[in-house]
Amino acid sequence: MVGGLSGGTISLISGGNFQDGFIGGLVGTIAGGYMGQGGVGWAGRTAIAATAGGLIAELGGGKFANGALSAAFVYLFRESMHTTRQELKIQFRGGTKAERASVLSDLNDIFGTKRGAKMLSNTQSPLTIDLSVKNRAFVKNAPSDTIYIDLNFHPKISTDSGSIPATTRRILSHELGHSVLGALDDGINRMNNINLNENPIMNELGMPLRLEY
């Protein structure tokens, strides 16, 4: 559905018809991903997506070009995002499958923000997440390739929405600031890492901003 909406919007911007772009973007994304699972490279998958999007748009009474253009653009965009996220290898120490999946979901949200994207581009693979520690979250050095975190550790913090438990997503954002960018809990009131990394990410995710270290 997202591919279809994106395709429709792209078609409108380029002077085409929303329906042509919607159909082309939706079908092209599916076709490019499914048909290109063999040895076909990204160029072949993009061609498959464009052809399928154009043909379906034309069969629906629209223009082949609009459907093909939208399908190719949407597929390339989604492919580039997928590739970027997959370039970083995460390895775990400890934790259950469910806990590891939860951490990966939080990391995906974090890296989807502007500040998180900068972290991703600076992260050295592999990044190790150690889930074996108890009642704390930390890195041994800044920068570091390992983050230690207890997923049941949620200390109360002061925010612009009052005192709340720190979520794992927030804690990971903070520790990534240390491990990836080498930020320290220094500066005025020890707020540097919070202001540079944690709060910008939380702001984009619609979460309260932290007021104190």
Protein backbone atom coordinates (compact mmCIF):
# COMPACT_ATOMS: atom_id res chain seq x y z
CA MET A 1 0.00 0.00 0.00
CA VAL A 2 2.85 2.41 0.85
CA GLY A 3 4.43 1.67 -2.51
CA GLY A 4 1.14 2.48 -4.23
CA LEU A 5 0.63 5.77 -2.42
CA SER A 6 4.22 6.79 -3.12
CA GLY A 7 3.83 5.88 -6.77
CA GLY A 8 0.60 7.85 -7.07
CA THR A 9 2.20 10.92 -5.57
CA ILE A 10 5.25 10.65 -7.83
CA SER A 11 3.01 10.33 -10.87
CA LEU A 12 1.10 13.46 -9.92
CA ILE A 13 4.32 15.43 -9.37
CA SER A 14 5.61 14.37 -12.79
CA GLY A 15 2.37 15.44 -14.50
CA GLY A 16 0.73 12.01 -14.68
CA ASN A 17 -2.35 10.40 -13.20
CA PHE A 18 -2.50 9.35 -9.53
CA GLN A 19 -4.27 6.07 -10.32
CA ASP A 20 -1.66 5.07 -12.91
CA GLY A 21 1.13 5.77 -10.45
CA PHE A 22 -0.65 4.08 -7.55
CA ILE A 23 -1.19 0.86 -9.47
CA GLY A 24 2.28 0.95 -11.02
CA GLY A 25 4.04 1.67 -7.74
CA LEU A 26 2.18 -1.05 -5.85
CA VAL A 27 2.48 -3.80 -8.45
CA GLY A 28 6.02 -2.83 -9.46
CA THR A 29 7.32 -3.01 -5.92
CA ILE A 30 5.85 -6.47 -5.44
CA ALA A 31 7.09 -7.70 -8.82
CA GLY A 32 10.58 -6.29 -8.40
CA GLY A 33 11.00 -7.95 -5.04
CA TYR A 34 9.43 -11.30 -5.97
CA MET A 35 10.61 -11.83 -9.54
CA GLY A 36 14.12 -10.62 -8.76
CA GLN A 37 14.89 -13.04 -5.97
CA GLY A 38 17.14 -15.15 -8.19
CA GLY A 39 20.42 -14.05 -9.69
CA VAL A 40 19.05 -10.84 -11.19
CA GLY A 41 20.86 -7.72 -10.00
CA TRP A 42 19.32 -4.43 -8.94
CA ALA A 43 19.12 -3.18 -12.55
CA GLY A 44 17.18 -6.29 -13.58
CA ARG A 45 14.84 -6.02 -10.60
CA THR A 46 14.21 -2.35 -11.36
CA ALA A 47 13.41 -3.23 -15.00
CA ILE A 48 11.02 -5.95 -13.83
CA ALA A 49 9.30 -3.52 -11.47
CA ALA A 50 9.00 -0.83 -14.16
CA THR A 51 7.66 -3.24 -16.81
CA ALA A 52 5.11 -4.79 -14.47
CA GLY A 53 3.98 -1.40 -13.18
CA GLY A 54 3.63 -0.02 -16.69
CA LEU A 55 1.73 -3.03 -18.06
CA ILE A 56 -0.74 -3.12 -15.17
CA ALA A 57 -1.34 0.63 -15.40
CA GLU A 58 -1.97 0.28 -19.16
CA LEU A 59 -4.31 -2.67 -18.67
CA GLY A 60 -6.23 -0.54 -16.20
CA GLY A 61 -6.76 2.12 -18.84
CA GLY A 62 -3.85 4.32 -17.84
CA LYS A 63 -0.51 5.19 -19.39
CA PHE A 64 2.36 2.71 -19.47
CA ALA A 65 4.97 5.44 -18.92
CA ASN A 66 3.34 6.78 -15.75
CA GLY A 67 3.05 3.34 -14.18
CA ALA A 68 6.58 2.34 -15.19
CA LEU A 69 8.19 5.54 -13.91
CA SER A 70 6.41 5.37 -10.57
CA ALA A 71 7.16 1.67 -10.13
CA ALA A 72 10.86 2.10 -10.89
CA PHE A 73 11.25 5.09 -8.55
CA VAL A 74 9.41 3.48 -5.65
CA TYR A 75 11.28 0.20 -6.03
CA LEU A 76 14.69 1.89 -6.13
CA PHE A 77 13.85 3.97 -3.06
CA ARG A 78 12.66 0.99 -1.05
CA GLU A 79 15.63 -1.09 -2.20
CA SER A 80 18.11 1.60 -1.15
CA MET A 81 16.54 1.85 2.30
CA HIS A 82 16.60 -1.93 2.69
CA THR A 83 20.22 -2.12 1.61
CA THR A 84 21.27 0.65 3.98
CA ARG A 85 19.69 -1.05 6.98
CA GLN A 86 21.12 -4.43 6.01
CA GLU A 87 24.70 -3.15 5.75
CA LEU A 88 24.96 -3.04 9.54
CA LYS A 89 25.44 -6.42 11.16
CA ILE A 90 24.14 -6.84 14.71
CA GLN A 91 25.39 -9.61 16.94
CA PHE A 92 24.02 -10.46 20.37
CA ARG A 93 25.30 -11.87 23.59
CA GLY A 94 22.58 -13.38 25.75
CA GLY A 95 18.88 -12.66 25.51
CA THR A 96 15.98 -14.66 24.11
CA LYS A 97 14.84 -14.61 20.49
CA ALA A 98 11.95 -12.34 21.49
CA GLU A 99 14.28 -9.94 23.30
CA ARG A 100 16.65 -9.80 20.35
CA ALA A 101 13.76 -9.15 17.97
CA SER A 102 12.59 -6.34 20.24
CA VAL A 103 16.02 -4.71 20.17
CA LEU A 104 16.20 -4.97 16.37
CA SER A 105 12.78 -3.32 16.11
CA ASP A 106 13.91 -0.45 18.33
CA LEU A 107 17.14 -0.04 16.35
CA ASN A 108 15.17 0.08 13.12
CA ASP A 109 13.05 2.93 14.52
CA ILE A 110 16.12 4.76 15.77
CA PHE A 111 18.02 4.46 12.49
CA GLY A 112 14.92 5.69 10.67
CA THR A 113 15.34 9.15 12.21
CA LYS A 114 17.69 11.82 10.87
CA ARG A 115 20.05 11.61 13.82
CA GLY A 116 19.80 7.83 13.80
CA ALA A 117 20.72 7.76 10.12
CA LYS A 118 23.91 9.64 10.94
CA MET A 119 24.64 7.07 13.64
CA LEU A 120 24.05 4.28 11.15
CA SER A 121 26.48 5.77 8.67
CA ASN A 122 29.15 5.94 11.39
CA THR A 123 28.54 2.53 12.94
CA GLN A 124 31.26 -0.05 12.45
CA SER A 125 30.00 -3.57 11.73
CA PRO A 126 29.41 -5.69 13.61
CA LEU A 127 27.72 -3.85 16.49
CA THR A 128 27.41 -6.08 19.54
CA ILE A 129 24.45 -5.82 21.91
CA ASP A 130 25.17 -7.58 25.21
CA LEU A 131 21.93 -8.48 26.99
CA SER A 132 23.55 -10.40 29.83
CA VAL A 133 24.04 -7.49 32.26
CA LYS A 134 21.65 -6.67 35.10
CA ASN A 135 20.10 -3.36 36.21
CA ARG A 136 22.11 -1.06 34.00
CA ALA A 137 23.01 0.09 30.49
CA PHE A 138 26.44 1.33 29.46
CA VAL A 139 29.41 1.20 27.11
CA LYS A 140 32.88 0.52 28.45
CA ASN A 141 34.52 3.13 26.25
CA ALA A 142 33.32 5.86 23.93
CA PRO A 143 33.40 5.06 21.09
CA SER A 144 32.88 1.32 21.39
CA ASP A 145 31.55 -1.56 19.30
CA THR A 146 29.57 -3.03 22.21
CA ILE A 147 26.50 -1.81 24.08
CA TYR A 148 25.58 -3.49 27.36
CA ILE A 149 21.91 -3.27 28.31
CA ASP A 150 19.39 -4.96 30.58
CA LEU A 151 16.05 -4.83 28.76
CA ASN A 152 14.27 -4.74 32.13
CA PHE A 153 16.20 -1.63 33.19
CA HIS A 154 13.89 1.41 33.00
CA PRO A 155 15.07 4.12 35.41
CA LYS A 156 12.82 7.12 36.02
CA ILE A 157 13.91 10.24 34.15
CA SER A 158 12.76 13.85 34.20
CA THR A 159 11.14 14.96 30.91
CA ASP A 160 8.96 17.75 29.59
CA SER A 161 6.04 15.39 30.23
CA GLY A 162 7.03 14.71 33.83
CA SER A 163 8.85 11.79 35.44
CA ILE A 164 8.62 8.66 33.28
CA PRO A 165 10.44 5.33 32.95
CA ALA A 166 13.13 5.37 30.28
CA THR A 167 12.18 3.03 27.45
CA THR A 168 14.65 0.62 25.90
CA ARG A 169 14.44 2.63 22.68
CA ARG A 170 15.49 5.78 24.53
CA ILE A 171 18.30 4.00 26.35
CA LEU A 172 19.60 2.53 23.09
CA SER A 173 19.52 6.00 21.51
CA HIS A 174 21.58 7.33 24.40
CA GLU A 175 24.09 4.47 24.39
CA LEU A 176 24.46 4.64 20.60
CA GLY A 177 25.52 8.26 21.08
CA HIS A 178 28.35 6.98 23.27
CA SER A 179 29.31 3.89 21.29
CA VAL A 180 28.99 5.18 17.73
CA LEU A 181 29.64 8.92 17.90
CA GLY A 182 31.85 8.97 20.98
CA ALA A 183 29.62 11.49 22.75
CA LEU A 184 30.14 11.86 26.49
CA ASP A 185 27.86 12.76 29.38
CA ASP A 186 29.69 16.03 29.86
CA GLY A 187 29.03 19.70 29.28
CA ILE A 188 26.54 21.81 31.23
CA ASN A 189 24.69 19.55 33.66
CA ARG A 190 26.20 16.57 31.80
CA MET A 191 23.61 16.99 29.04
CA ASN A 192 25.80 16.80 25.91
CA ASN A 193 24.91 13.29 24.78
CA ILE A 194 21.26 13.83 25.69
CA ASN A 195 21.05 17.07 23.68
CA LEU A 196 23.08 15.84 20.72
CA ASN A 197 21.64 12.36 20.31
CA GLU A 198 18.94 11.12 22.67
CA ASN A 199 16.57 14.09 22.51
CA PRO A 200 16.73 14.64 18.72
CA ILE A 201 15.84 10.98 18.16
CA MET A 202 13.07 11.01 20.77
CA ASN A 203 11.67 14.20 19.26
CA GLU A 204 11.38 12.59 15.81
CA LEU A 205 9.72 9.55 17.35
CA GLY A 206 7.18 11.72 19.15
CA MET A 207 8.51 10.98 22.63
CA PRO A 208 9.08 13.39 25.56
CA LEU A 209 12.37 15.28 25.76
CA ARG A 210 14.69 14.61 28.68
CA LEU A 211 15.45 17.59 30.90
CA GLU A 212 18.08 16.21 33.29
CA TYR A 213 20.91 13.70 33.24
